[in-house]
All heavy atoms as atom14 arrays in JSON, in Angstrom:
{
  "sequence": "TGTDAGVEAVAAGAQDFLVKGDVDADLLARAVRYAVQRRRLEDT",
  "atom14_mask": [
    [1, 1, 1, 1, 1, 1, 1, 0, 0, 0, 0, 0, 0, 0],
    [1, 1, 1, 1, 0, 0, 0, 0, 0, 0, 0, 0, 0, 0],
    [1, 1, 1, 1, 1, 1, 1, 0, 0, 0, 0, 0, 0, 0],
    [1, 1, 1, 1, 1, 1, 1, 1, 0, 0, 0, 0, 0, 0],
    [1, 1, 1, 1, 1, 0, 0, 0, 0, 0, 0, 0, 0, 0],
    [1, 1, 1, 1, 0, 0, 0, 0, 0, 0, 0, 0, 0, 0],
    [1, 1, 1, 1, 1, 1, 1, 0, 0, 0, 0, 0, 0, 0],
    [1, 1, 1, 1, 1, 1, 1, 1, 1, 0, 0, 0, 0, 0],
    [1, 1, 1, 1, 1, 0, 0, 0, 0, 0, 0, 0, 0, 0],
    [1, 1, 1, 1, 1, 1, 1, 0, 0, 0, 0, 0, 0, 0],
    [1, 1, 1, 1, 1, 0, 0, 0, 0, 0, 0, 0, 0, 0],
    [1, 1, 1, 1, 1, 0, 0, 0, 0, 0, 0, 0, 0, 0],
    [1, 1, 1, 1, 0, 0, 0, 0, 0, 0, 0, 0, 0, 0],
    [1, 1, 1, 1, 1, 0, 0, 0, 0, 0, 0, 0, 0, 0],
    [1, 1, 1, 1, 1, 1, 1, 1, 1, 0, 0, 0, 0, 0],
    [1, 1, 1, 1, 1, 1, 1, 1, 0, 0, 0, 0, 0, 0],
    [1, 1, 1, 1, 1, 1, 1, 1, 1, 1, 1, 0, 0, 0],
    [1, 1, 1, 1, 1, 1, 1, 1, 0, 0, 0, 0, 0, 0],
    [1, 1, 1, 1, 1, 1, 1, 0, 0, 0, 0, 0, 0, 0],
    [1, 1, 1, 1, 1, 1, 1, 1, 1, 0, 0, 0, 0, 0],
    [1, 1, 1, 1, 0, 0, 0, 0, 0, 0, 0, 0, 0, 0],
    [1, 1, 1, 1, 1, 1, 1, 1, 0, 0, 0, 0, 0, 0],
    [1, 1, 1, 1, 1, 1, 1, 0, 0, 0, 0, 0, 0, 0],
    [1, 1, 1, 1, 1, 1, 1, 1, 0, 0, 0, 0, 0, 0],
    [1, 1, 1, 1, 1, 0, 0, 0, 0, 0, 0, 0, 0, 0],
    [1, 1, 1, 1, 1, 1, 1, 1, 0, 0, 0, 0, 0, 0],
    [1, 1, 1, 1, 1, 1, 1, 1, 0, 0, 0, 0, 0, 0],
    [1, 1, 1, 1, 1, 1, 1, 1, 0, 0, 0, 0, 0, 0],
    [1, 1, 1, 1, 1, 0, 0, 0, 0, 0, 0, 0, 0, 0],
    [1, 1, 1, 1, 1, 1, 1, 1, 1, 1, 1, 0, 0, 0],
    [1, 1, 1, 1, 1, 0, 0, 0, 0, 0, 0, 0, 0, 0],
    [1, 1, 1, 1, 1, 1, 1, 0, 0, 0, 0, 0, 0, 0],
    [1, 1, 1, 1, 1, 1, 1, 1, 1, 1, 1, 0, 0, 0],
    [1, 1, 1, 1, 1, 1, 1, 1, 1, 1, 1, 1, 0, 0],
    [1, 1, 1, 1, 1, 0, 0, 0, 0, 0, 0, 0, 0, 0],
    [1, 1, 1, 1, 1, 1, 1, 0, 0, 0, 0, 0, 0, 0],
    [1, 1, 1, 1, 1, 1, 1, 1, 1, 0, 0, 0, 0, 0],
    [1, 1, 1, 1, 1, 1, 1, 1, 1, 1, 1, 0, 0, 0],
    [1, 1, 1, 1, 1, 1, 1, 1, 1, 1, 1, 0, 0, 0],
    [1, 1, 1, 1, 1, 1, 1, 1, 1, 1, 1, 0, 0, 0],
    [1, 1, 1, 1, 1, 1, 1, 1, 0, 0, 0, 0, 0, 0],
    [1, 1, 1, 1, 1, 1, 1, 1, 1, 0, 0, 0, 0, 0],
    [1, 1, 1, 1, 1, 1, 1, 1, 0, 0, 0, 0, 0, 0],
    [1, 1, 1, 1, 1, 1, 1, 0, 0, 0, 0, 0, 0, 0]
  ],
  "atom14_positions": [
    [[19.98, 62.86, -97.35], [19.55, 63.89, -98.28], [19.47, 63.37, -99.69], [19.17, 64.24, -100.58], [20.49, 65.03, -98.12], [21.87, 64.64, -98.52], [20.54, 65.69, -96.84], [0.0, 0.0, 0.0], [0.0, 0.0, 0.0], [0.0, 0.0, 0.0], [0.0, 0.0, 0.0], [0.0, 0.0, 0.0], [0.0, 0.0, 0.0], [0.0, 0.0, 0.0]],
    [[19.88, 62.2, -99.96], [19.79, 61.69, -101.41], [18.39, 61.69, -101.9], [17.34, 61.26, -101.24], [0.0, 0.0, 0.0], [0.0, 0.0, 0.0], [0.0, 0.0, 0.0], [0.0, 0.0, 0.0], [0.0, 0.0, 0.0], [0.0, 0.0, 0.0], [0.0, 0.0, 0.0], [0.0, 0.0, 0.0], [0.0, 0.0, 0.0], [0.0, 0.0, 0.0]],
    [[18.26, 62.19, -103.14], [16.95, 62.15, -103.71], [16.31, 60.82, -103.94], [15.18, 60.61, -103.71], [17.04, 62.82, -105.15], [17.57, 64.15, -104.98], [15.63, 62.89, -105.89], [0.0, 0.0, 0.0], [0.0, 0.0, 0.0], [0.0, 0.0, 0.0], [0.0, 0.0, 0.0], [0.0, 0.0, 0.0], [0.0, 0.0, 0.0], [0.0, 0.0, 0.0]],
    [[17.2, 59.86, -104.24], [16.7, 58.57, -104.54], [16.11, 57.84, -103.29], [15.27, 57.17, -103.39], [17.89, 57.64, -105.09], [18.31, 57.97, -106.43], [17.53, 58.72, -107.08], [19.39, 57.55, -106.89], [0.0, 0.0, 0.0], [0.0, 0.0, 0.0], [0.0, 0.0, 0.0], [0.0, 0.0, 0.0], [0.0, 0.0, 0.0], [0.0, 0.0, 0.0]],
    [[16.67, 58.19, -102.09], [16.15, 57.69, -100.89], [14.75, 58.03, -100.6], [13.87, 57.22, -100.25], [16.94, 58.07, -99.65], [0.0, 0.0, 0.0], [0.0, 0.0, 0.0], [0.0, 0.0, 0.0], [0.0, 0.0, 0.0], [0.0, 0.0, 0.0], [0.0, 0.0, 0.0], [0.0, 0.0, 0.0], [0.0, 0.0, 0.0], [0.0, 0.0, 0.0]],
    [[14.39, 59.38, -100.93], [12.93, 59.72, -100.77], [12.06, 59.06, -101.7], [10.88, 58.57, -101.32], [0.0, 0.0, 0.0], [0.0, 0.0, 0.0], [0.0, 0.0, 0.0], [0.0, 0.0, 0.0], [0.0, 0.0, 0.0], [0.0, 0.0, 0.0], [0.0, 0.0, 0.0], [0.0, 0.0, 0.0], [0.0, 0.0, 0.0], [0.0, 0.0, 0.0]],
    [[12.38, 58.9, -103.04], [11.55, 58.26, -103.96], [11.36, 56.79, -103.65], [10.29, 56.25, -103.8], [12.19, 58.28, -105.4], [11.46, 57.53, -106.42], [12.22, 59.89, -105.79], [0.0, 0.0, 0.0], [0.0, 0.0, 0.0], [0.0, 0.0, 0.0], [0.0, 0.0, 0.0], [0.0, 0.0, 0.0], [0.0, 0.0, 0.0], [0.0, 0.0, 0.0]],
    [[12.54, 56.15, -103.11], [12.35, 54.71, -102.8], [11.58, 54.5, -101.54], [10.71, 53.55, -101.58], [13.8, 54.18, -102.53], [14.75, 54.16, -103.77], [16.17, 53.74, -103.46], [16.44, 53.61, -102.28], [16.93, 53.6, -104.36], [0.0, 0.0, 0.0], [0.0, 0.0, 0.0], [0.0, 0.0, 0.0], [0.0, 0.0, 0.0], [0.0, 0.0, 0.0]],
    [[11.64, 55.45, -100.59], [10.85, 55.3, -99.49], [9.33, 55.43, -99.74], [8.42, 54.68, -99.23], [11.18, 56.47, -98.46], [0.0, 0.0, 0.0], [0.0, 0.0, 0.0], [0.0, 0.0, 0.0], [0.0, 0.0, 0.0], [0.0, 0.0, 0.0], [0.0, 0.0, 0.0], [0.0, 0.0, 0.0], [0.0, 0.0, 0.0], [0.0, 0.0, 0.0]],
    [[8.89, 56.46, -100.64], [7.54, 56.55, -101.0], [7.13, 55.28, -101.82], [5.92, 54.85, -101.58], [7.29, 57.89, -101.8], [5.95, 57.98, -102.38], [7.61, 59.12, -100.91], [0.0, 0.0, 0.0], [0.0, 0.0, 0.0], [0.0, 0.0, 0.0], [0.0, 0.0, 0.0], [0.0, 0.0, 0.0], [0.0, 0.0, 0.0], [0.0, 0.0, 0.0]],
    [[7.95, 55.02, -102.71], [7.57, 53.73, -103.43], [7.37, 52.62, -102.58], [6.63, 51.63, -102.96], [8.7, 53.42, -104.56], [0.0, 0.0, 0.0], [0.0, 0.0, 0.0], [0.0, 0.0, 0.0], [0.0, 0.0, 0.0], [0.0, 0.0, 0.0], [0.0, 0.0, 0.0], [0.0, 0.0, 0.0], [0.0, 0.0, 0.0], [0.0, 0.0, 0.0]],
    [[8.12, 52.39, -101.54], [7.99, 51.24, -100.57], [6.73, 51.44, -99.78], [6.5, 50.38, -98.98], [9.16, 51.22, -99.75], [0.0, 0.0, 0.0], [0.0, 0.0, 0.0], [0.0, 0.0, 0.0], [0.0, 0.0, 0.0], [0.0, 0.0, 0.0], [0.0, 0.0, 0.0], [0.0, 0.0, 0.0], [0.0, 0.0, 0.0], [0.0, 0.0, 0.0]],
    [[6.06, 52.48, -99.7], [4.89, 52.66, -98.88], [4.74, 53.81, -97.93], [3.74, 53.94, -97.3], [0.0, 0.0, 0.0], [0.0, 0.0, 0.0], [0.0, 0.0, 0.0], [0.0, 0.0, 0.0], [0.0, 0.0, 0.0], [0.0, 0.0, 0.0], [0.0, 0.0, 0.0], [0.0, 0.0, 0.0], [0.0, 0.0, 0.0], [0.0, 0.0, 0.0]],
    [[5.88, 54.55, -97.78], [5.8, 55.84, -97.02], [4.8, 56.86, -97.62], [4.71, 56.91, -98.76], [7.24, 56.4, -96.78], [0.0, 0.0, 0.0], [0.0, 0.0, 0.0], [0.0, 0.0, 0.0], [0.0, 0.0, 0.0], [0.0, 0.0, 0.0], [0.0, 0.0, 0.0], [0.0, 0.0, 0.0], [0.0, 0.0, 0.0], [0.0, 0.0, 0.0]],
    [[4.11, 57.55, -96.81], [3.2, 58.59, -97.26], [3.97, 59.86, -97.66], [3.63, 60.68, -98.56], [2.25, 58.99, -96.16], [1.19, 57.93, -95.88], [0.14, 57.83, -96.99], [-0.11, 58.81, -97.71], [-0.53, 56.64, -97.14], [0.0, 0.0, 0.0], [0.0, 0.0, 0.0], [0.0, 0.0, 0.0], [0.0, 0.0, 0.0], [0.0, 0.0, 0.0]],
    [[5.12, 60.12, -97.06], [5.99, 61.3, -97.42], [7.34, 61.09, -96.94], [7.57, 60.25, -96.14], [5.33, 62.56, -96.66], [5.66, 63.93, -97.41], [6.6, 63.83, -98.36], [4.96, 64.84, -97.32], [0.0, 0.0, 0.0], [0.0, 0.0, 0.0], [0.0, 0.0, 0.0], [0.0, 0.0, 0.0], [0.0, 0.0, 0.0], [0.0, 0.0, 0.0]],
    [[8.23, 61.93, -97.41], [9.67, 61.84, -97.09], [10.24, 63.23, -96.77], [10.14, 64.15, -97.73], [10.44, 61.2, -98.25], [12.0, 61.12, -97.86], [12.42, 59.92, -97.43], [12.85, 62.12, -98.25], [13.81, 59.72, -97.17], [14.25, 61.98, -98.03], [14.74, 60.77, -97.43], [0.0, 0.0, 0.0], [0.0, 0.0, 0.0], [0.0, 0.0, 0.0]],
    [[10.69, 63.47, -95.55], [11.16, 64.89, -95.15], [12.57, 64.71, -94.6], [12.89, 63.78, -93.97], [10.18, 65.52, -94.09], [8.72, 65.53, -94.38], [7.89, 66.08, -93.15], [8.59, 66.47, -95.55], [0.0, 0.0, 0.0], [0.0, 0.0, 0.0], [0.0, 0.0, 0.0], [0.0, 0.0, 0.0], [0.0, 0.0, 0.0], [0.0, 0.0, 0.0]],
    [[13.26, 65.8, -95.06], [14.73, 65.85, -94.63], [14.68, 66.77, -93.37], [14.2, 67.82, -93.39], [15.68, 66.44, -95.74], [17.04, 66.57, -95.2], [15.65, 65.5, -96.91], [0.0, 0.0, 0.0], [0.0, 0.0, 0.0], [0.0, 0.0, 0.0], [0.0, 0.0, 0.0], [0.0, 0.0, 0.0], [0.0, 0.0, 0.0], [0.0, 0.0, 0.0]],
    [[15.33, 66.26, -92.34], [15.37, 67.03, -91.06], [15.76, 68.4, -91.2], [15.13, 69.33, -90.64], [16.22, 66.22, -90.07], [15.71, 64.93, -89.53], [16.7, 64.33, -88.59], [16.22, 62.85, -88.21], [17.13, 62.19, -87.28], [0.0, 0.0, 0.0], [0.0, 0.0, 0.0], [0.0, 0.0, 0.0], [0.0, 0.0, 0.0], [0.0, 0.0, 0.0]],
    [[16.88, 68.59, -91.85], [17.39, 70.02, -91.94], [16.47, 70.96, -92.73], [16.58, 72.12, -92.61], [0.0, 0.0, 0.0], [0.0, 0.0, 0.0], [0.0, 0.0, 0.0], [0.0, 0.0, 0.0], [0.0, 0.0, 0.0], [0.0, 0.0, 0.0], [0.0, 0.0, 0.0], [0.0, 0.0, 0.0], [0.0, 0.0, 0.0], [0.0, 0.0, 0.0]],
    [[15.56, 70.51, -93.44], [14.69, 71.31, -94.38], [13.25, 71.5, -93.73], [12.41, 72.15, -94.3], [14.45, 70.74, -95.64], [15.89, 70.7, -96.41], [16.76, 71.5, -96.09], [15.98, 69.73, -97.39], [0.0, 0.0, 0.0], [0.0, 0.0, 0.0], [0.0, 0.0, 0.0], [0.0, 0.0, 0.0], [0.0, 0.0, 0.0], [0.0, 0.0, 0.0]],
    [[13.07, 70.86, -92.58], [11.71, 70.78, -91.93], [11.49, 71.97, -91.04], [12.38, 72.3, -90.19], [11.43, 69.45, -91.26], [10.1, 69.47, -90.54], [11.48, 68.37, -92.25], [0.0, 0.0, 0.0], [0.0, 0.0, 0.0], [0.0, 0.0, 0.0], [0.0, 0.0, 0.0], [0.0, 0.0, 0.0], [0.0, 0.0, 0.0], [0.0, 0.0, 0.0]],
    [[10.27, 72.58, -91.15], [9.81, 73.64, -90.13], [8.6, 73.23, -89.47], [8.11, 72.02, -89.96], [9.79, 75.01, -90.71], [8.8, 75.16, -91.89], [7.94, 74.22, -91.91], [8.93, 76.1, -92.6], [0.0, 0.0, 0.0], [0.0, 0.0, 0.0], [0.0, 0.0, 0.0], [0.0, 0.0, 0.0], [0.0, 0.0, 0.0], [0.0, 0.0, 0.0]],
    [[8.01, 73.95, -88.67], [6.84, 73.5, -87.94], [5.64, 73.29, -88.83], [4.86, 72.25, -88.78], [6.49, 74.5, -86.83], [0.0, 0.0, 0.0], [0.0, 0.0, 0.0], [0.0, 0.0, 0.0], [0.0, 0.0, 0.0], [0.0, 0.0, 0.0], [0.0, 0.0, 0.0], [0.0, 0.0, 0.0], [0.0, 0.0, 0.0], [0.0, 0.0, 0.0]],
    [[5.49, 74.22, -89.71], [4.22, 74.22, -90.55], [4.39, 72.94, -91.61], [3.4, 72.3, -91.86], [4.13, 75.5, -91.39], [3.66, 76.62, -90.54], [3.14, 76.36, -89.42], [3.96, 77.86, -90.8], [0.0, 0.0, 0.0], [0.0, 0.0, 0.0], [0.0, 0.0, 0.0], [0.0, 0.0, 0.0], [0.0, 0.0, 0.0], [0.0, 0.0, 0.0]],
    [[5.59, 72.8, -92.14], [5.73, 71.64, -93.05], [5.52, 70.35, -92.4], [4.96, 69.49, -92.94], [7.18, 71.82, -93.61], [7.56, 70.6, -94.66], [6.61, 70.56, -95.82], [9.04, 70.79, -95.09], [0.0, 0.0, 0.0], [0.0, 0.0, 0.0], [0.0, 0.0, 0.0], [0.0, 0.0, 0.0], [0.0, 0.0, 0.0], [0.0, 0.0, 0.0]],
    [[6.04, 70.15, -91.09], [5.84, 68.96, -90.52], [4.49, 68.65, -90.11], [3.89, 67.57, -90.39], [6.78, 68.89, -89.28], [6.71, 67.63, -88.5], [7.17, 66.35, -89.33], [7.49, 67.64, -87.2], [0.0, 0.0, 0.0], [0.0, 0.0, 0.0], [0.0, 0.0, 0.0], [0.0, 0.0, 0.0], [0.0, 0.0, 0.0], [0.0, 0.0, 0.0]],
    [[3.75, 69.73, -89.54], [2.36, 69.48, -89.2], [1.5, 69.19, -90.49], [0.62, 68.35, -90.32], [1.77, 70.76, -88.45], [0.0, 0.0, 0.0], [0.0, 0.0, 0.0], [0.0, 0.0, 0.0], [0.0, 0.0, 0.0], [0.0, 0.0, 0.0], [0.0, 0.0, 0.0], [0.0, 0.0, 0.0], [0.0, 0.0, 0.0], [0.0, 0.0, 0.0]],
    [[1.76, 69.91, -91.5], [1.06, 69.68, -92.77], [1.3, 68.27, -93.31], [0.24, 67.6, -93.72], [1.47, 70.69, -93.77], [0.52, 70.61, -95.08], [0.67, 71.91, -95.98], [2.08, 72.13, -96.32], [2.91, 73.18, -95.9], [2.36, 74.0, -95.01], [4.12, 73.25, -96.35], [0.0, 0.0, 0.0], [0.0, 0.0, 0.0], [0.0, 0.0, 0.0]],
    [[2.51, 67.83, -93.25], [2.78, 66.41, -93.72], [2.17, 65.47, -92.94], [1.7, 64.41, -93.53], [4.38, 66.22, -93.68], [0.0, 0.0, 0.0], [0.0, 0.0, 0.0], [0.0, 0.0, 0.0], [0.0, 0.0, 0.0], [0.0, 0.0, 0.0], [0.0, 0.0, 0.0], [0.0, 0.0, 0.0], [0.0, 0.0, 0.0], [0.0, 0.0, 0.0]],
    [[1.93, 65.57, -91.59], [1.29, 64.63, -90.72], [-0.18, 64.6, -91.17], [-0.87, 63.57, -91.33], [1.6, 64.91, -89.4], [0.53, 64.11, -88.48], [2.96, 64.66, -88.83], [0.0, 0.0, 0.0], [0.0, 0.0, 0.0], [0.0, 0.0, 0.0], [0.0, 0.0, 0.0], [0.0, 0.0, 0.0], [0.0, 0.0, 0.0], [0.0, 0.0, 0.0]],
    [[-0.78, 65.87, -91.25], [-2.22, 65.95, -91.55], [-2.5, 65.31, -92.86], [-3.5, 64.51, -92.98], [-2.65, 67.3, -91.52], [-2.73, 68.07, -90.19], [-3.47, 69.37, -90.46], [-3.58, 70.2, -89.21], [-2.64, 71.23, -88.96], [-1.68, 71.55, -89.89], [-2.71, 71.85, -87.86], [0.0, 0.0, 0.0], [0.0, 0.0, 0.0], [0.0, 0.0, 0.0]],
    [[-1.73, 65.54, -93.82], [-1.95, 64.96, -95.16], [-1.82, 63.47, -95.23], [-2.6, 62.82, -95.83], [-1.03, 65.69, -96.18], [-1.27, 66.97, -96.53], [-0.56, 67.73, -97.43], [-2.43, 67.75, -96.06], [-0.8, 69.12, -97.85], [-2.72, 69.02, -96.31], [-1.93, 69.67, -97.21], [-2.26, 71.05, -97.52], [0.0, 0.0, 0.0], [0.0, 0.0, 0.0]],
    [[-0.89, 63.03, -94.49], [-0.63, 61.6, -94.37], [-1.82, 60.78, -93.77], [-2.16, 59.82, -94.35], [0.68, 61.21, -93.61], [0.0, 0.0, 0.0], [0.0, 0.0, 0.0], [0.0, 0.0, 0.0], [0.0, 0.0, 0.0], [0.0, 0.0, 0.0], [0.0, 0.0, 0.0], [0.0, 0.0, 0.0], [0.0, 0.0, 0.0], [0.0, 0.0, 0.0]],
    [[-2.3, 61.39, -92.6], [-3.45, 60.87, -92.01], [-4.71, 60.84, -92.92], [-5.39, 59.87, -93.09], [-3.79, 61.55, -90.61], [-5.01, 61.04, -90.11], [-2.67, 61.25, -89.78], [0.0, 0.0, 0.0], [0.0, 0.0, 0.0], [0.0, 0.0, 0.0], [0.0, 0.0, 0.0], [0.0, 0.0, 0.0], [0.0, 0.0, 0.0], [0.0, 0.0, 0.0]],
    [[-4.93, 61.96, -93.56], [-6.12, 62.08, -94.4], [-5.97, 61.15, -95.6], [-6.96, 60.57, -96.07], [-6.29, 63.56, -94.83], [-6.65, 64.58, -93.73], [-8.06, 64.14, -93.18], [-8.93, 63.57, -93.78], [-8.18, 64.24, -91.79], [0.0, 0.0, 0.0], [0.0, 0.0, 0.0], [0.0, 0.0, 0.0], [0.0, 0.0, 0.0], [0.0, 0.0, 0.0]],
    [[-4.74, 61.15, -96.26], [-4.71, 60.28, -97.37], [-4.97, 58.81, -96.94], [-5.62, 58.02, -97.69], [-3.3, 60.32, -97.93], [-3.07, 61.56, -98.83], [-1.82, 61.34, -99.62], [-0.71, 61.34, -98.77], [0.12, 62.55, -98.52], [-0.24, 63.57, -98.98], [1.17, 62.34, -97.87], [0.0, 0.0, 0.0], [0.0, 0.0, 0.0], [0.0, 0.0, 0.0]],
    [[-4.44, 58.32, -95.84], [-4.71, 57.02, -95.36], [-6.3, 56.79, -95.11], [-6.85, 55.68, -95.48], [-3.96, 56.78, -94.11], [-4.26, 55.25, -93.48], [-4.0, 54.12, -94.43], [-2.67, 53.89, -94.8], [-1.85, 53.2, -94.06], [-2.26, 52.63, -92.98], [-0.5, 53.0, -94.43], [0.0, 0.0, 0.0], [0.0, 0.0, 0.0], [0.0, 0.0, 0.0]],
    [[-6.78, 57.72, -94.49], [-8.2, 57.69, -94.33], [-9.01, 57.48, -95.63], [-10.03, 56.7, -95.72], [-8.71, 58.82, -93.4], [-8.32, 58.79, -92.02], [-8.74, 60.04, -91.21], [-8.36, 59.97, -89.84], [-8.49, 61.02, -88.98], [-8.98, 62.16, -89.43], [-8.05, 60.79, -87.71], [0.0, 0.0, 0.0], [0.0, 0.0, 0.0], [0.0, 0.0, 0.0]],
    [[-8.72, 58.22, -96.54], [-9.31, 58.2, -97.77], [-9.13, 56.85, -98.51], [-10.02, 56.28, -99.15], [-8.9, 59.31, -98.78], [-9.39, 60.76, -98.57], [-8.62, 61.79, -99.3], [-10.81, 60.82, -98.64], [0.0, 0.0, 0.0], [0.0, 0.0, 0.0], [0.0, 0.0, 0.0], [0.0, 0.0, 0.0], [0.0, 0.0, 0.0], [0.0, 0.0, 0.0]],
    [[-7.76, 56.34, -98.32], [-7.4, 55.0, -98.93], [-8.27, 53.99, -98.21], [-8.8, 53.05, -98.91], [-6.02, 54.74, -98.73], [-5.14, 55.62, -99.68], [-3.6, 55.42, -99.18], [-3.34, 54.55, -98.26], [-2.79, 56.05, -99.86], [0.0, 0.0, 0.0], [0.0, 0.0, 0.0], [0.0, 0.0, 0.0], [0.0, 0.0, 0.0], [0.0, 0.0, 0.0]],
    [[-8.5, 53.99, -96.9], [-9.24, 52.98, -96.22], [-10.77, 53.14, -96.58], [-11.38, 52.08, -96.72], [-9.08, 53.21, -94.63], [-7.65, 52.91, -94.14], [-6.95, 52.26, -94.81], [-7.45, 53.38, -93.04], [0.0, 0.0, 0.0], [0.0, 0.0, 0.0], [0.0, 0.0, 0.0], [0.0, 0.0, 0.0], [0.0, 0.0, 0.0], [0.0, 0.0, 0.0]],
    [[-11.29, 54.39, -96.76], [-12.58, 54.5, -97.24], [-12.85, 53.96, -98.6], [-13.83, 53.24, -98.83], [-13.06, 56.1, -97.19], [-12.81, 56.51, -95.82], [-14.45, 56.15, -97.66], [0.0, 0.0, 0.0], [0.0, 0.0, 0.0], [0.0, 0.0, 0.0], [0.0, 0.0, 0.0], [0.0, 0.0, 0.0], [0.0, 0.0, 0.0], [0.0, 0.0, 0.0]]
  ]
}
């Protein structure tokens, strides 16, 4: 749950950082969709 862990993970190359206890179905599905689309845009 540490804030720094999320920032460090994204800085290291992760598309997003989610804490298990705060995740619901919509948030997780949206994070996956956005991650995939961002990578596709980056590749393009």
